[in-house]
Amino acid sequence: MDLGRLTFLTVAFVTHAVVGYALVRGFTSVDRRTGAWLGLGFGFAPDADFLFPADWGWPFVHRGITHAPLFALAVVGGAYVVSRRRSVALAVALGLGSHLVIDSLSTMGVPWLFPLRLSWNAGLDVHGPIGTVLLWALSIGILASRTDDIPWLA
């Protein structure tokens, strides 16, 4: 893999994690430590499909099953069953949901009607420089509104 592709993927992965974290910290009541793990982890989780062997084929490809709303609903339901806390399920939903929404806006899209192989996309360059800066600015703004996260503002 060339350096440009590696850099692109790294920035995209980190951006998904940061957006998930910001949404969880900004809009749920989970504690800071749990929120960090849930937001970062589930914001990034759908891209675990990069680990699937290439010969598995559809739906185990990038932007296949792990980028489908049915998958997200199953994971959120599982999080609720395991934790018995709505705040945890909401945090998981925000992390996973933010990933799906961001990728829906990209040119590749996501399979909103899974198991059908149809994808919806807005055709925007959300993983390009301008889109990335906007997503980071939005995330920083959400975190800044939580003054307990920024010691010198508290």
Protein backbone atom coordinates (compact mmCIF):
# COMPACT_ATOMS: atom_id res chain seq x y z
CA MET A 1 0.00 0.00 0.00
CA ASP A 2 1.42 3.37 -0.97
CA LEU A 3 1.97 6.16 1.56
CA GLY A 4 -0.81 8.36 0.15
CA ARG A 5 -3.43 5.62 0.55
CA LEU A 6 -2.18 4.76 4.03
CA THR A 7 -2.38 8.41 5.07
CA PHE A 8 -5.90 8.76 3.63
CA LEU A 9 -7.13 5.66 5.48
CA THR A 10 -5.52 6.70 8.76
CA VAL A 11 -7.08 10.17 8.64
CA ALA A 12 -10.49 8.70 7.71
CA PHE A 13 -10.35 6.14 10.55
CA VAL A 14 -9.33 8.74 13.12
CA THR A 15 -12.00 11.16 11.87
CA HIS A 16 -14.74 8.53 12.31
CA ALA A 17 -13.50 7.80 15.83
CA VAL A 18 -13.30 11.49 16.81
CA VAL A 19 -16.79 12.28 15.47
CA GLY A 20 -18.20 9.26 17.34
CA TYR A 21 -16.45 10.34 20.53
CA ALA A 22 -17.67 13.94 20.26
CA LEU A 23 -21.28 12.86 19.70
CA VAL A 24 -21.21 10.44 22.63
CA ARG A 25 -19.63 13.00 24.97
CA GLY A 26 -21.93 15.75 23.76
CA PHE A 27 -25.26 13.96 23.72
CA THR A 28 -25.26 11.11 26.25
CA SER A 29 -25.02 10.78 29.99
CA VAL A 30 -22.43 8.00 30.03
CA ASP A 31 -19.37 8.71 32.13
CA ARG A 32 -16.24 10.12 30.50
CA ARG A 33 -14.23 6.90 30.40
CA THR A 34 -17.09 4.74 29.09
CA GLY A 35 -18.03 7.47 26.63
CA ALA A 36 -14.50 7.59 25.29
CA TRP A 37 -14.38 3.85 24.62
CA LEU A 38 -17.89 3.69 23.17
CA GLY A 39 -17.56 6.78 20.99
CA LEU A 40 -14.08 6.04 19.67
CA GLY A 41 -14.63 2.31 19.29
CA PHE A 42 -18.05 2.30 17.67
CA GLY A 43 -17.28 5.36 15.57
CA PHE A 44 -14.49 3.32 14.02
CA ALA A 45 -16.06 -0.18 14.25
CA PRO A 46 -17.70 -0.46 10.81
CA ASP A 47 -14.27 -0.22 9.19
CA ALA A 48 -13.31 -3.52 10.82
CA ASP A 49 -14.45 -4.91 7.47
CA PHE A 50 -10.97 -4.11 6.17
CA LEU A 51 -9.87 -7.17 8.16
CA PHE A 52 -12.11 -9.60 6.23
CA PRO A 53 -10.25 -11.84 3.78
CA ALA A 54 -10.78 -10.70 0.20
CA ASP A 55 -11.94 -14.13 -0.94
CA TRP A 56 -15.01 -13.99 1.35
CA GLY A 57 -16.76 -11.68 -1.12
CA TRP A 58 -20.09 -9.93 -0.65
CA PRO A 59 -21.34 -9.02 1.98
CA PHE A 60 -17.96 -9.30 3.72
CA VAL A 61 -16.34 -6.48 1.79
CA HIS A 62 -15.62 -2.87 2.66
CA ARG A 63 -18.93 -1.05 2.95
CA GLY A 64 -20.80 -4.32 2.99
CA ILE A 65 -22.53 -5.81 6.02
CA THR A 66 -20.72 -3.71 8.65
CA HIS A 67 -21.94 -0.52 6.99
CA ALA A 68 -25.60 -1.62 6.88
CA PRO A 69 -28.30 -0.18 9.15
CA LEU A 70 -29.50 -3.70 10.00
CA PHE A 71 -26.03 -4.48 11.34
CA ALA A 72 -26.05 -1.26 13.37
CA LEU A 73 -29.48 -2.04 14.81
CA ALA A 74 -28.33 -5.52 15.82
CA VAL A 75 -25.23 -4.12 17.54
CA VAL A 76 -27.20 -1.39 19.33
CA GLY A 77 -29.76 -3.97 20.46
CA GLY A 78 -26.96 -6.21 21.68
CA ALA A 79 -25.39 -3.31 23.59
CA TYR A 80 -28.69 -2.69 25.35
CA VAL A 81 -29.21 -6.37 26.19
CA VAL A 82 -25.69 -6.63 27.63
CA SER A 83 -25.63 -3.31 29.53
CA ARG A 84 -29.34 -2.82 30.31
CA ARG A 85 -28.65 0.92 30.00
CA ARG A 86 -30.29 3.16 27.42
CA SER A 87 -27.40 5.60 27.64
CA VAL A 88 -24.97 2.88 26.53
CA ALA A 89 -27.24 1.84 23.65
CA LEU A 90 -27.56 5.50 22.63
CA ALA A 91 -23.78 5.91 22.74
CA VAL A 92 -23.31 2.86 20.52
CA ALA A 93 -26.01 4.16 18.16
CA LEU A 94 -24.34 7.57 17.91
CA GLY A 95 -20.92 6.05 17.20
CA LEU A 96 -22.14 3.60 14.58
CA GLY A 97 -24.74 5.98 13.17
CA SER A 98 -22.24 8.78 12.69
CA HIS A 99 -20.03 6.43 10.69
CA LEU A 100 -22.91 5.39 8.44
CA VAL A 101 -24.08 8.96 7.88
CA ILE A 102 -20.58 10.21 7.04
CA ASP A 103 -19.96 7.35 4.63
CA SER A 104 -23.42 7.86 3.09
CA LEU A 105 -22.34 11.33 2.11
CA SER A 106 -19.25 10.03 0.32
CA THR A 107 -19.10 8.94 -3.30
CA MET A 108 -19.02 5.22 -2.41
CA GLY A 109 -22.09 5.29 -0.15
CA VAL A 110 -23.43 2.55 2.12
CA PRO A 111 -25.98 -0.26 1.60
CA TRP A 112 -28.99 1.30 3.35
CA LEU A 113 -31.27 -1.38 1.91
CA PHE A 114 -29.06 -4.34 2.85
CA PRO A 115 -29.29 -7.23 1.99
CA LEU A 116 -29.95 -5.63 -1.39
CA ARG A 117 -26.68 -4.52 -2.97
CA LEU A 118 -27.96 -1.02 -3.62
CA SER A 119 -26.00 1.88 -2.14
CA TRP A 120 -27.08 5.42 -1.48
CA ASN A 121 -24.61 8.26 -1.61
CA ALA A 122 -24.64 12.03 -1.83
CA GLY A 123 -21.46 12.08 -3.89
CA LEU A 124 -19.67 14.49 -1.56
CA ASP A 125 -15.97 14.44 -0.76
CA VAL A 126 -16.48 14.06 3.01
CA HIS A 127 -13.17 12.26 3.39
CA GLY A 128 -11.30 14.95 1.45
CA PRO A 129 -9.44 17.85 3.09
CA ILE A 130 -12.42 20.23 3.34
CA GLY A 131 -14.84 17.57 4.57
CA THR A 132 -12.35 16.33 7.14
CA VAL A 133 -11.68 19.82 8.48
CA LEU A 134 -15.43 20.46 8.76
CA LEU A 135 -16.02 17.18 10.62
CA TRP A 136 -13.15 17.91 13.02
CA ALA A 137 -14.39 21.48 13.58
CA LEU A 138 -17.89 20.18 14.33
CA SER A 139 -16.45 17.62 16.75
CA ILE A 140 -14.28 20.19 18.52
CA GLY A 141 -17.28 22.52 18.79
CA ILE A 142 -19.37 19.78 20.41
CA LEU A 143 -16.56 18.94 22.83
CA ALA A 144 -15.98 22.63 23.62
CA SER A 145 -19.62 22.92 24.62
CA ARG A 146 -18.84 20.35 27.30
CA THR A 147 -16.75 22.61 29.52
CA ASP A 148 -16.13 19.74 31.95
CA ASP A 149 -13.98 18.18 29.20
CA ILE A 150 -11.75 21.26 28.95
CA PRO A 151 -10.20 21.98 32.38
CA TRP A 152 -9.32 25.64 31.74
CA LEU A 153 -12.94 26.41 30.73
CA ALA A 154 -14.61 24.62 33.63
